[in-house]
């Protein structure tokens, strides 16, 4: 039987309580890659009007990045860039960026966080919006990298005939990228 903390209000917790919680936190955190893989599978069959479902789009984006020789962190960012579609219909890049933030470089994090605005270049004008919204970031060091991500991988990954490596192919990469946070308040809990 697992031990449990005994307090009913956080301010009443003891060092022993928090050691129990820290141990359980580590066990829970170690299962994050499995939870991410399960959540990605929720995108299967969700077309949202697109020519491919959202899982295929995510896999195709990652496949294109992988085939282009991008490093594992970048490939996993490509894989997860739209994972927020299920819970963040109006802010999916923020959801993906929040999941990735502790594990990726600030540059890759920024790219994922802003990709929605940059992707809008291809369709905002068809919806009566300003397709040039990305220009607000023209002086940011990741501006061109995010344009490139959208042009070469994200916008190009709606091809029903395009190559799609299976989710299992990316699982080892995902596990390595998510093995240890690079930046997190909770990194001290190991």
N, C-alpha and C. Protein backbone atom coordinates (compact mmCIF):
# COMPACT_ATOMS: atom_id res chain seq x y z
N UNK A 1 0.84 -1.18 0.00
CA UNK A 1 0.00 0.00 0.00
C UNK A 1 0.89 1.24 0.00
N UNK A 2 0.54 2.20 -0.83
CA UNK A 2 1.29 3.44 -0.91
C UNK A 2 0.97 4.34 0.27
N UNK A 3 2.02 4.97 0.79
CA UNK A 3 1.83 5.94 1.87
C UNK A 3 1.18 7.19 1.30
N UNK A 4 0.43 7.88 2.13
CA UNK A 4 -0.20 9.13 1.72
C UNK A 4 0.07 10.18 2.76
N UNK A 5 0.19 11.41 2.29
CA UNK A 5 0.33 12.53 3.21
C UNK A 5 -0.92 12.62 4.08
N UNK A 6 -0.75 13.18 5.26
CA UNK A 6 -1.85 13.18 6.22
C UNK A 6 -2.55 14.52 6.38
N UNK A 7 -2.07 15.58 5.76
CA UNK A 7 -2.67 16.89 5.96
C UNK A 7 -3.94 17.07 5.14
N UNK A 8 -4.77 17.99 5.60
CA UNK A 8 -5.99 18.36 4.85
C UNK A 8 -5.87 19.75 4.25
N UNK A 9 -4.88 20.52 4.67
CA UNK A 9 -4.57 21.84 4.12
C UNK A 9 -3.06 21.88 3.85
N UNK A 10 -2.66 22.36 2.70
CA UNK A 10 -1.25 22.33 2.32
C UNK A 10 -0.34 22.96 3.38
N UNK A 11 -0.78 24.04 3.98
CA UNK A 11 0.07 24.71 4.95
C UNK A 11 0.35 23.86 6.19
N UNK A 12 -0.40 22.78 6.37
CA UNK A 12 -0.19 21.90 7.51
C UNK A 12 0.74 20.73 7.21
N UNK A 13 1.23 20.63 5.96
CA UNK A 13 2.09 19.52 5.57
C UNK A 13 3.43 19.56 6.28
N UNK A 14 3.93 18.39 6.58
CA UNK A 14 5.24 18.24 7.23
C UNK A 14 6.28 17.83 6.19
N UNK A 15 7.54 17.84 6.57
CA UNK A 15 8.60 17.38 5.68
C UNK A 15 8.36 15.93 5.26
N UNK A 16 7.89 15.10 6.18
CA UNK A 16 7.58 13.70 5.85
C UNK A 16 6.46 13.62 4.81
N UNK A 17 5.43 14.44 4.97
CA UNK A 17 4.34 14.48 3.99
C UNK A 17 4.87 14.82 2.61
N UNK A 18 5.72 15.84 2.56
CA UNK A 18 6.21 16.30 1.27
C UNK A 18 7.21 15.33 0.65
N UNK A 19 7.88 14.53 1.44
CA UNK A 19 8.73 13.47 0.89
C UNK A 19 7.88 12.38 0.23
N UNK A 20 6.74 12.07 0.83
CA UNK A 20 5.81 11.11 0.23
C UNK A 20 5.31 11.65 -1.10
N UNK A 21 4.93 12.92 -1.11
CA UNK A 21 4.41 13.54 -2.33
C UNK A 21 5.48 13.61 -3.40
N UNK A 22 6.70 13.96 -3.01
CA UNK A 22 7.80 14.07 -3.97
C UNK A 22 8.07 12.71 -4.62
N UNK A 23 8.04 11.65 -3.83
CA UNK A 23 8.25 10.30 -4.37
C UNK A 23 7.16 9.96 -5.38
N UNK A 24 5.92 10.23 -5.02
CA UNK A 24 4.81 9.96 -5.94
C UNK A 24 4.88 10.86 -7.17
N UNK A 25 5.32 12.10 -6.99
CA UNK A 25 5.46 13.01 -8.13
C UNK A 25 6.43 12.43 -9.15
N UNK A 26 7.55 11.92 -8.68
CA UNK A 26 8.56 11.36 -9.59
C UNK A 26 7.97 10.19 -10.36
N UNK A 27 7.25 9.32 -9.69
CA UNK A 27 6.63 8.17 -10.37
C UNK A 27 5.62 8.64 -11.41
N UNK A 28 4.85 9.65 -11.06
CA UNK A 28 3.85 10.21 -11.99
C UNK A 28 4.55 10.89 -13.16
N UNK A 29 5.57 11.68 -12.90
CA UNK A 29 6.29 12.41 -13.95
C UNK A 29 6.96 11.44 -14.92
N UNK A 30 7.45 10.32 -14.42
CA UNK A 30 8.10 9.34 -15.30
C UNK A 30 7.14 8.76 -16.33
N UNK A 31 5.85 8.86 -16.08
CA UNK A 31 4.84 8.32 -17.00
C UNK A 31 4.35 9.37 -18.00
N UNK A 32 4.93 10.56 -17.97
CA UNK A 32 4.50 11.62 -18.88
C UNK A 32 4.58 11.22 -20.35
N UNK A 33 5.68 10.63 -20.82
CA UNK A 33 5.70 10.24 -22.24
C UNK A 33 4.53 9.32 -22.62
N UNK A 34 4.19 8.38 -21.78
CA UNK A 34 3.06 7.48 -22.07
C UNK A 34 1.75 8.26 -22.15
N UNK A 35 1.57 9.23 -21.25
CA UNK A 35 0.34 10.03 -21.29
C UNK A 35 0.29 10.89 -22.55
N UNK A 36 1.43 11.41 -22.98
CA UNK A 36 1.48 12.20 -24.20
C UNK A 36 1.12 11.33 -25.40
N UNK A 37 1.67 10.14 -25.47
CA UNK A 37 1.35 9.23 -26.57
C UNK A 37 -0.14 8.90 -26.59
N UNK A 38 -0.70 8.65 -25.43
CA UNK A 38 -2.15 8.38 -25.34
C UNK A 38 -2.95 9.59 -25.82
N UNK A 39 -2.53 10.77 -25.42
CA UNK A 39 -3.25 11.98 -25.82
C UNK A 39 -3.14 12.22 -27.33
N UNK A 40 -1.98 11.95 -27.90
CA UNK A 40 -1.83 12.09 -29.35
C UNK A 40 -2.82 11.20 -30.09
N UNK A 41 -3.08 10.04 -29.55
CA UNK A 41 -4.01 9.12 -30.20
C UNK A 41 -5.44 9.66 -30.24
N UNK A 42 -5.75 10.63 -29.38
CA UNK A 42 -7.06 11.28 -29.44
C UNK A 42 -7.25 12.06 -30.75
N UNK A 43 -6.15 12.39 -31.42
CA UNK A 43 -6.21 13.12 -32.68
C UNK A 43 -6.55 12.21 -33.86
N UNK A 44 -6.48 10.90 -33.65
CA UNK A 44 -6.78 9.94 -34.69
C UNK A 44 -8.26 10.01 -35.08
N UNK A 45 -8.53 10.20 -36.35
CA UNK A 45 -9.91 10.26 -36.83
C UNK A 45 -10.55 11.63 -36.71
N UNK A 46 -9.84 12.60 -36.16
CA UNK A 46 -10.36 13.96 -36.01
C UNK A 46 -9.88 14.79 -37.20
N UNK A 47 -10.72 14.87 -38.22
CA UNK A 47 -10.33 15.55 -39.46
C UNK A 47 -10.53 17.06 -39.38
N UNK A 48 -11.56 17.53 -38.69
CA UNK A 48 -11.81 18.96 -38.59
C UNK A 48 -11.90 19.65 -39.94
N UNK A 49 -12.33 18.92 -40.97
CA UNK A 49 -12.45 19.48 -42.30
C UNK A 49 -11.19 19.38 -43.14
N UNK A 50 -10.08 18.99 -42.55
CA UNK A 50 -8.81 18.89 -43.27
C UNK A 50 -8.76 17.60 -44.11
N UNK A 51 -7.85 17.52 -45.09
CA UNK A 51 -7.73 16.31 -45.92
C UNK A 51 -7.16 15.11 -45.17
N UNK A 52 -6.50 15.34 -44.05
CA UNK A 52 -5.99 14.25 -43.20
C UNK A 52 -6.42 14.54 -41.76
N UNK A 53 -6.49 13.48 -40.94
CA UNK A 53 -6.86 13.72 -39.54
C UNK A 53 -5.68 14.35 -38.80
N UNK A 54 -5.96 14.84 -37.62
CA UNK A 54 -4.94 15.60 -36.88
C UNK A 54 -3.75 14.74 -36.46
N UNK A 55 -3.98 13.46 -36.19
CA UNK A 55 -2.85 12.59 -35.87
C UNK A 55 -1.95 12.42 -37.10
N UNK A 56 -2.55 12.16 -38.25
CA UNK A 56 -1.77 12.03 -39.48
C UNK A 56 -0.99 13.31 -39.74
N UNK A 57 -1.64 14.46 -39.56
CA UNK A 57 -0.95 15.73 -39.75
C UNK A 57 0.26 15.85 -38.82
N UNK A 58 0.07 15.50 -37.55
CA UNK A 58 1.17 15.58 -36.59
C UNK A 58 2.31 14.63 -36.96
N UNK A 59 1.96 13.40 -37.32
CA UNK A 59 2.96 12.42 -37.72
C UNK A 59 3.67 12.84 -39.01
N UNK A 60 2.91 13.38 -39.94
CA UNK A 60 3.50 13.82 -41.21
C UNK A 60 4.43 15.01 -40.99
N UNK A 61 4.05 15.94 -40.11
CA UNK A 61 4.92 17.07 -39.79
C UNK A 61 6.24 16.57 -39.20
N UNK A 62 6.15 15.64 -38.25
CA UNK A 62 7.35 15.08 -37.63
C UNK A 62 8.17 14.28 -38.65
N UNK A 63 7.49 13.55 -39.52
CA UNK A 63 8.19 12.77 -40.54
C UNK A 63 8.98 13.68 -41.46
N UNK A 64 8.37 14.76 -41.91
CA UNK A 64 9.06 15.72 -42.78
C UNK A 64 10.29 16.30 -42.08
N UNK A 65 10.14 16.67 -40.81
CA UNK A 65 11.27 17.23 -40.06
C UNK A 65 12.37 16.19 -39.88
N UNK A 66 11.98 14.95 -39.58
CA UNK A 66 12.95 13.87 -39.41
C UNK A 66 13.70 13.61 -40.72
N UNK A 67 12.96 13.50 -41.81
CA UNK A 67 13.57 13.22 -43.12
C UNK A 67 14.48 14.37 -43.56
N UNK A 68 14.22 15.55 -43.03
CA UNK A 68 15.04 16.72 -43.37
C UNK A 68 16.28 16.82 -42.49
N UNK A 69 16.46 15.87 -41.57
CA UNK A 69 17.66 15.83 -40.75
C UNK A 69 17.61 16.68 -39.48
N UNK A 70 16.43 17.09 -39.09
CA UNK A 70 16.31 17.88 -37.86
C UNK A 70 16.62 17.01 -36.65
N UNK A 71 17.11 17.65 -35.57
CA UNK A 71 17.44 16.89 -34.37
C UNK A 71 16.18 16.40 -33.66
N UNK A 72 16.38 15.48 -32.71
CA UNK A 72 15.24 14.85 -32.03
C UNK A 72 14.32 15.85 -31.35
N UNK A 73 14.88 16.83 -30.69
CA UNK A 73 14.05 17.82 -30.01
C UNK A 73 13.13 18.53 -31.00
N UNK A 74 13.68 18.94 -32.12
CA UNK A 74 12.90 19.62 -33.15
C UNK A 74 11.81 18.69 -33.70
N UNK A 75 12.18 17.44 -33.96
CA UNK A 75 11.22 16.47 -34.48
C UNK A 75 10.06 16.27 -33.50
N UNK A 76 10.37 16.20 -32.22
CA UNK A 76 9.32 16.03 -31.22
C UNK A 76 8.47 17.29 -31.12
N UNK A 77 9.06 18.45 -31.27
CA UNK A 77 8.26 19.68 -31.34
C UNK A 77 7.31 19.63 -32.53
N UNK A 78 7.80 19.14 -33.65
CA UNK A 78 6.96 18.99 -34.84
C UNK A 78 5.83 18.00 -34.57
N UNK A 79 6.14 16.91 -33.90
CA UNK A 79 5.12 15.91 -33.58
C UNK A 79 4.03 16.47 -32.67
N UNK A 80 4.43 17.28 -31.69
CA UNK A 80 3.49 17.74 -30.67
C UNK A 80 2.92 19.13 -30.93
N UNK A 81 3.29 19.77 -32.00
CA UNK A 81 2.90 21.18 -32.20
C UNK A 81 1.38 21.40 -32.16
N UNK A 82 0.60 20.41 -32.53
CA UNK A 82 -0.87 20.54 -32.53
C UNK A 82 -1.55 19.68 -31.48
N UNK A 83 -0.82 19.15 -30.52
CA UNK A 83 -1.42 18.29 -29.51
C UNK A 83 -2.50 19.01 -28.71
N UNK A 84 -2.43 20.32 -28.67
CA UNK A 84 -3.42 21.11 -27.94
C UNK A 84 -4.76 21.23 -28.63
N UNK A 85 -4.89 20.73 -29.86
CA UNK A 85 -6.16 20.84 -30.59
C UNK A 85 -7.35 20.28 -29.83
N UNK A 86 -7.14 19.22 -29.04
CA UNK A 86 -8.28 18.58 -28.37
C UNK A 86 -8.81 19.40 -27.20
N UNK A 87 -7.95 20.07 -26.47
CA UNK A 87 -8.38 20.82 -25.28
C UNK A 87 -8.30 22.33 -25.46
N UNK A 88 -7.53 22.78 -26.42
CA UNK A 88 -7.34 24.22 -26.62
C UNK A 88 -7.74 24.62 -28.03
N UNK A 89 -8.99 24.45 -28.35
CA UNK A 89 -9.44 24.74 -29.72
C UNK A 89 -9.13 26.16 -30.15
N UNK A 90 -9.09 27.08 -29.21
CA UNK A 90 -8.84 28.49 -29.54
C UNK A 90 -7.42 28.94 -29.18
N UNK A 91 -6.63 28.04 -28.61
CA UNK A 91 -5.25 28.39 -28.26
C UNK A 91 -4.33 27.17 -28.27
N UNK A 92 -4.52 26.31 -29.25
CA UNK A 92 -3.75 25.06 -29.27
C UNK A 92 -2.24 25.25 -29.22
N UNK A 93 -1.65 26.29 -29.84
CA UNK A 93 -0.19 26.43 -29.72
C UNK A 93 0.27 26.66 -28.28
N UNK A 94 -0.55 27.35 -27.50
CA UNK A 94 -0.19 27.59 -26.10
C UNK A 94 -0.14 26.28 -25.30
N UNK A 95 -1.08 25.39 -25.60
CA UNK A 95 -1.13 24.10 -24.89
C UNK A 95 0.12 23.29 -25.24
N UNK A 96 0.42 23.18 -26.53
CA UNK A 96 1.61 22.43 -26.96
C UNK A 96 2.87 23.03 -26.36
N UNK A 97 2.96 24.35 -26.39
CA UNK A 97 4.15 25.03 -25.86
C UNK A 97 4.30 24.78 -24.35
N UNK A 98 3.19 24.78 -23.63
CA UNK A 98 3.24 24.54 -22.18
C UNK A 98 3.74 23.12 -21.88
N UNK A 99 3.31 22.15 -22.66
CA UNK A 99 3.76 20.77 -22.45
C UNK A 99 5.26 20.65 -22.74
N UNK A 100 5.71 21.31 -23.79
CA UNK A 100 7.10 21.19 -24.22
C UNK A 100 8.08 22.04 -23.43
N UNK A 101 7.62 23.14 -22.86
CA UNK A 101 8.52 24.14 -22.27
C UNK A 101 9.60 23.59 -21.34
N UNK A 102 9.29 22.71 -20.41
CA UNK A 102 10.36 22.25 -19.52
C UNK A 102 11.44 21.41 -20.21
N UNK A 103 11.14 20.92 -21.41
CA UNK A 103 12.00 19.91 -22.03
C UNK A 103 12.75 20.36 -23.28
N UNK A 104 12.45 21.53 -23.78
CA UNK A 104 13.05 21.96 -25.05
C UNK A 104 13.74 23.31 -24.90
N UNK A 105 14.51 23.64 -25.90
CA UNK A 105 15.21 24.92 -25.89
C UNK A 105 14.23 26.07 -25.97
N UNK A 106 14.61 27.23 -25.49
CA UNK A 106 13.74 28.41 -25.63
C UNK A 106 13.40 28.70 -27.10
N UNK A 107 14.32 28.42 -28.00
CA UNK A 107 14.08 28.67 -29.43
C UNK A 107 12.97 27.77 -29.97
N UNK A 108 13.05 26.48 -29.67
CA UNK A 108 12.01 25.56 -30.13
C UNK A 108 10.68 25.82 -29.43
N UNK A 109 10.74 26.19 -28.17
CA UNK A 109 9.52 26.52 -27.44
C UNK A 109 8.81 27.70 -28.10
N UNK A 110 9.56 28.75 -28.42
CA UNK A 110 8.98 29.94 -29.03
C UNK A 110 8.35 29.59 -30.38
N UNK A 111 9.03 28.77 -31.15
CA UNK A 111 8.52 28.36 -32.46
C UNK A 111 7.16 27.66 -32.33
N UNK A 112 7.06 26.73 -31.39
CA UNK A 112 5.79 26.02 -31.20
C UNK A 112 4.73 26.97 -30.68
N UNK A 113 5.10 27.80 -29.72
CA UNK A 113 4.14 28.73 -29.12
C UNK A 113 3.57 29.70 -30.17
N UNK A 114 4.37 30.12 -31.12
CA UNK A 114 3.95 31.13 -32.10
C UNK A 114 3.51 30.54 -33.43
N UNK A 115 3.61 29.25 -33.63
CA UNK A 115 3.35 28.69 -34.96
C UNK A 115 1.94 28.98 -35.46
N UNK A 116 0.97 29.12 -34.59
CA UNK A 116 -0.40 29.40 -35.03
C UNK A 116 -0.52 30.74 -35.75
N UNK A 117 0.14 31.75 -35.21
CA UNK A 117 0.14 33.07 -35.84
C UNK A 117 0.87 33.00 -37.19
N UNK A 118 1.98 32.28 -37.22
CA UNK A 118 2.77 32.17 -38.45
C UNK A 118 2.05 31.32 -39.49
N UNK A 119 1.37 30.28 -39.05
CA UNK A 119 0.61 29.42 -39.97
C UNK A 119 -0.55 30.20 -40.59
N UNK A 120 -1.04 31.19 -39.86
CA UNK A 120 -2.13 32.01 -40.37
C UNK A 120 -1.81 32.73 -41.66
N UNK A 121 -0.55 32.88 -41.98
CA UNK A 121 -0.14 33.51 -43.23
C UNK A 121 -0.79 32.81 -44.44
N UNK A 122 -1.02 31.50 -44.30
CA UNK A 122 -1.54 30.71 -45.40
C UNK A 122 -3.06 30.77 -45.55
N UNK A 123 -3.76 31.21 -44.50
CA UNK A 123 -5.23 31.16 -44.60
C UNK A 123 -5.99 32.30 -43.95
N UNK A 124 -5.38 33.10 -43.10
CA UNK A 124 -6.13 34.16 -42.41
C UNK A 124 -6.88 35.06 -43.38
N UNK A 125 -6.27 35.40 -44.50
CA UNK A 125 -6.90 36.30 -45.46
C UNK A 125 -8.17 35.71 -46.06
N UNK A 126 -8.28 34.38 -46.07
CA UNK A 126 -9.49 33.72 -46.57
C UNK A 126 -10.64 33.79 -45.55
N UNK A 127 -10.30 34.15 -44.34
CA UNK A 127 -11.30 34.25 -43.26
C UNK A 127 -11.53 35.68 -42.83
N UNK A 128 -11.05 36.64 -43.63
CA UNK A 128 -11.24 38.05 -43.31
C UNK A 128 -10.30 38.56 -42.24
N UNK A 129 -9.21 37.84 -42.01
CA UNK A 129 -8.22 38.23 -41.01
C UNK A 129 -6.95 38.72 -41.72
N UNK A 130 -6.06 39.28 -40.95
CA UNK A 130 -4.80 39.79 -41.47
C UNK A 130 -3.78 38.66 -41.54
N UNK A 131 -3.41 38.27 -42.74
CA UNK A 131 -2.45 37.18 -42.91
C UNK A 131 -1.05 37.57 -42.46
N UNK A 132 -0.81 38.85 -42.27
CA UNK A 132 0.52 39.33 -41.91
C UNK A 132 0.69 39.55 -40.40
N UNK A 133 -0.13 38.93 -39.60
CA UNK A 133 0.00 39.07 -38.14
C UNK A 133 1.38 38.67 -37.64
N UNK A 134 2.01 37.76 -38.33
CA UNK A 134 3.35 37.31 -37.91
C UNK A 134 4.37 38.44 -37.96
N UNK A 135 4.09 39.48 -38.71
CA UNK A 135 5.04 40.58 -38.86
C UNK A 135 5.31 41.30 -37.54
N UNK A 136 4.41 41.16 -36.57
CA UNK A 136 4.66 41.77 -35.26
C UNK A 136 5.91 41.19 -34.62
N UNK A 137 6.36 40.03 -35.09
CA UNK A 137 7.54 39.36 -34.53
C UNK A 137 8.76 39.45 -35.44
N UNK A 138 8.72 40.32 -36.45
CA UNK A 138 9.78 40.34 -37.47
C UNK A 138 11.17 40.60 -36.89
N UNK A 139 11.27 41.21 -35.73
CA UNK A 139 12.58 41.47 -35.14
C UNK A 139 13.00 40.39 -34.14
N UNK A 140 12.18 39.39 -33.97
CA UNK A 140 12.52 38.31 -33.03
C UNK A 140 13.53 37.36 -33.68
N UNK A 141 14.50 36.87 -32.91
CA UNK A 141 15.51 35.98 -33.49
C UNK A 141 14.94 34.69 -34.08
N UNK A 142 13.77 34.26 -33.63
CA UNK A 142 13.16 33.02 -34.14
C UNK A 142 12.16 33.25 -35.26
N UNK A 143 12.05 34.48 -35.72
CA UNK A 143 11.09 34.82 -36.76
C UNK A 143 11.26 33.93 -38.01
N UNK A 144 12.43 33.92 -38.59
CA UNK A 144 12.65 33.15 -39.81
C UNK A 144 12.55 31.65 -39.55
N UNK A 145 13.04 31.19 -38.42
CA UNK A 145 12.96 29.76 -38.09
C UNK A 145 11.51 29.30 -37.99
N UNK A 146 10.65 30.17 -37.49
CA UNK A 146 9.23 29.81 -37.37
C UNK A 146 8.54 29.85 -38.72
N UNK A 147 8.91 30.81 -39.56
CA UNK A 147 8.43 30.81 -40.94
C UNK A 147 8.83 29.49 -41.62
N UNK A 148 10.09 29.10 -41.44
CA UNK A 148 10.59 27.88 -42.06
C UNK A 148 9.86 26.64 -41.53
N UNK A 149 9.62 26.58 -40.23
CA UNK A 149 8.88 25.45 -39.65
C UNK A 149 7.52 25.33 -40.32
N UNK A 150 6.82 26.43 -40.41
CA UNK A 150 5.48 26.40 -41.02
C UNK A 150 5.56 26.03 -42.49
N UNK A 151 6.46 26.64 -43.23
CA UNK A 151 6.54 26.41 -44.67
C UNK A 151 6.97 24.99 -45.03
N UNK A 152 7.99 24.48 -44.35
CA UNK A 152 8.57 23.19 -44.73
C UNK A 152 7.91 21.99 -44.08
N UNK A 153 7.31 22.19 -42.91
CA UNK A 153 6.80 21.04 -42.16
C UNK A 153 5.30 21.15 -41.87
N UNK A 154 4.88 22.18 -41.18
CA UNK A 154 3.48 22.28 -40.76
C UNK A 154 2.54 22.45 -41.96
N UNK A 155 2.74 23.45 -42.78
CA UNK A 155 1.85 23.71 -43.91
C UNK A 155 1.93 22.62 -44.97
N UNK A 156 3.04 21.90 -45.00
CA UNK A 156 3.24 20.86 -46.01
C UNK A 156 2.71 19.50 -45.58
N UNK A 157 2.12 19.40 -44.40
CA UNK A 157 1.77 18.10 -43.81
C UNK A 157 0.27 17.82 -43.81
N UNK A 158 -0.38 18.12 -44.92
CA UNK A 158 -1.80 17.82 -45.06
C UNK A 158 -2.03 16.94 -46.29
N UNK A 159 -1.02 16.19 -46.67
CA UNK A 159 -1.03 15.41 -47.90
C UNK A 159 -1.50 13.98 -47.62
N UNK A 160 -2.68 13.61 -48.12
CA UNK A 160 -3.17 12.24 -47.90
C UNK A 160 -2.23 11.17 -48.47
N UNK A 161 -1.38 11.54 -49.42
CA UNK A 161 -0.43 10.60 -50.01
C UNK A 161 0.98 10.75 -49.42
N UNK A 162 1.16 11.69 -48.49
CA UNK A 162 2.47 11.95 -47.92
C UNK A 162 2.96 10.85 -47.00
N UNK A 163 4.27 10.77 -46.86
CA UNK A 163 4.85 9.76 -45.97
C UNK A 163 4.49 10.07 -44.53
N UNK A 164 4.12 9.02 -43.81
CA UNK A 164 3.78 9.14 -42.39
C UNK A 164 4.44 7.99 -41.65
N UNK A 165 5.48 8.30 -40.91
CA UNK A 165 6.07 7.28 -40.05
C UNK A 165 5.12 7.04 -38.87
N UNK A 166 5.05 5.80 -38.37
CA UNK A 166 4.09 5.51 -37.28
C UNK A 166 4.51 6.15 -35.96
N UNK A 167 3.54 6.32 -35.10
CA UNK A 167 3.78 6.90 -33.78
C UNK A 167 4.86 6.12 -33.04
N UNK A 168 4.87 4.81 -33.18
CA UNK A 168 5.87 3.98 -32.50
C UNK A 168 7.30 4.36 -32.92
N UNK A 169 7.48 4.83 -34.14
CA UNK A 169 8.80 5.26 -34.60
C UNK A 169 9.32 6.43 -33.77
N UNK A 170 8.41 7.33 -33.41
CA UNK A 170 8.80 8.54 -32.67
C UNK A 170 8.85 8.34 -31.16
N UNK A 171 8.29 7.24 -30.67
CA UNK A 171 8.22 7.03 -29.22
C UNK A 171 9.58 7.07 -28.53
N UNK A 172 10.62 6.39 -29.03
CA UNK A 172 11.92 6.48 -28.35
C UNK A 172 12.46 7.91 -28.29
N UNK A 173 12.27 8.68 -29.36
CA UNK A 173 12.70 10.08 -29.36
C UNK A 173 11.95 10.86 -28.31
N UNK A 174 10.63 10.67 -28.27
CA UNK A 174 9.80 11.38 -27.30
C UNK A 174 10.25 11.05 -25.87
N UNK A 175 10.52 9.79 -25.63
CA UNK A 175 10.97 9.38 -24.29
C UNK A 175 12.31 10.02 -23.93
N UNK A 176 13.21 10.14 -24.90
CA UNK A 176 14.50 10.78 -24.62
C UNK A 176 14.33 12.28 -24.37
N UNK A 177 13.52 12.95 -25.19
CA UNK A 177 13.33 14.39 -25.01
C UNK A 177 12.66 14.68 -23.67
N UNK A 178 11.73 13.82 -23.26
CA UNK A 178 11.00 14.04 -22.02
C UNK A 178 11.61 13.32 -20.82
N UNK A 179 12.81 12.81 -20.96
CA UNK A 179 13.45 12.07 -19.87
C UNK A 179 13.79 12.95 -18.68
N UNK A 180 14.21 14.17 -18.95
CA UNK A 180 14.64 15.06 -17.88
C UNK A 180 14.36 16.50 -18.27
N UNK A 181 13.64 17.25 -17.44
CA UNK A 181 13.40 18.66 -17.79
C UNK A 181 14.70 19.46 -17.79
N UNK A 182 14.77 20.40 -18.71
CA UNK A 182 15.91 21.31 -18.79
C UNK A 182 15.66 22.55 -17.95
N UNK A 183 14.38 22.91 -17.84
CA UNK A 183 14.01 24.11 -17.08
C UNK A 183 12.65 23.88 -16.46
N UNK A 184 12.62 23.82 -15.15
CA UNK A 184 11.36 23.63 -14.44
C UNK A 184 11.56 23.96 -12.98
N UNK A 185 10.57 24.57 -12.42
CA UNK A 185 10.55 24.83 -10.98
C UNK A 185 10.65 23.51 -10.22
N UNK A 186 10.10 22.46 -10.78
CA UNK A 186 10.02 21.17 -10.11
C UNK A 186 11.19 20.25 -10.44
N UNK A 187 12.19 20.76 -11.11
CA UNK A 187 13.35 19.94 -11.47
C UNK A 187 14.06 19.41 -10.22
N UNK A 188 13.95 20.15 -9.12
CA UNK A 188 14.62 19.72 -7.90
C UNK A 188 14.01 18.45 -7.33
N UNK A 189 12.79 18.11 -7.75
CA UNK A 189 12.11 16.91 -7.25
C UNK A 189 12.53 15.75 -8.14
N UNK A 190 13.55 15.03 -7.70
CA UNK A 190 14.03 13.90 -8.49
C UNK A 190 14.09 12.65 -7.67
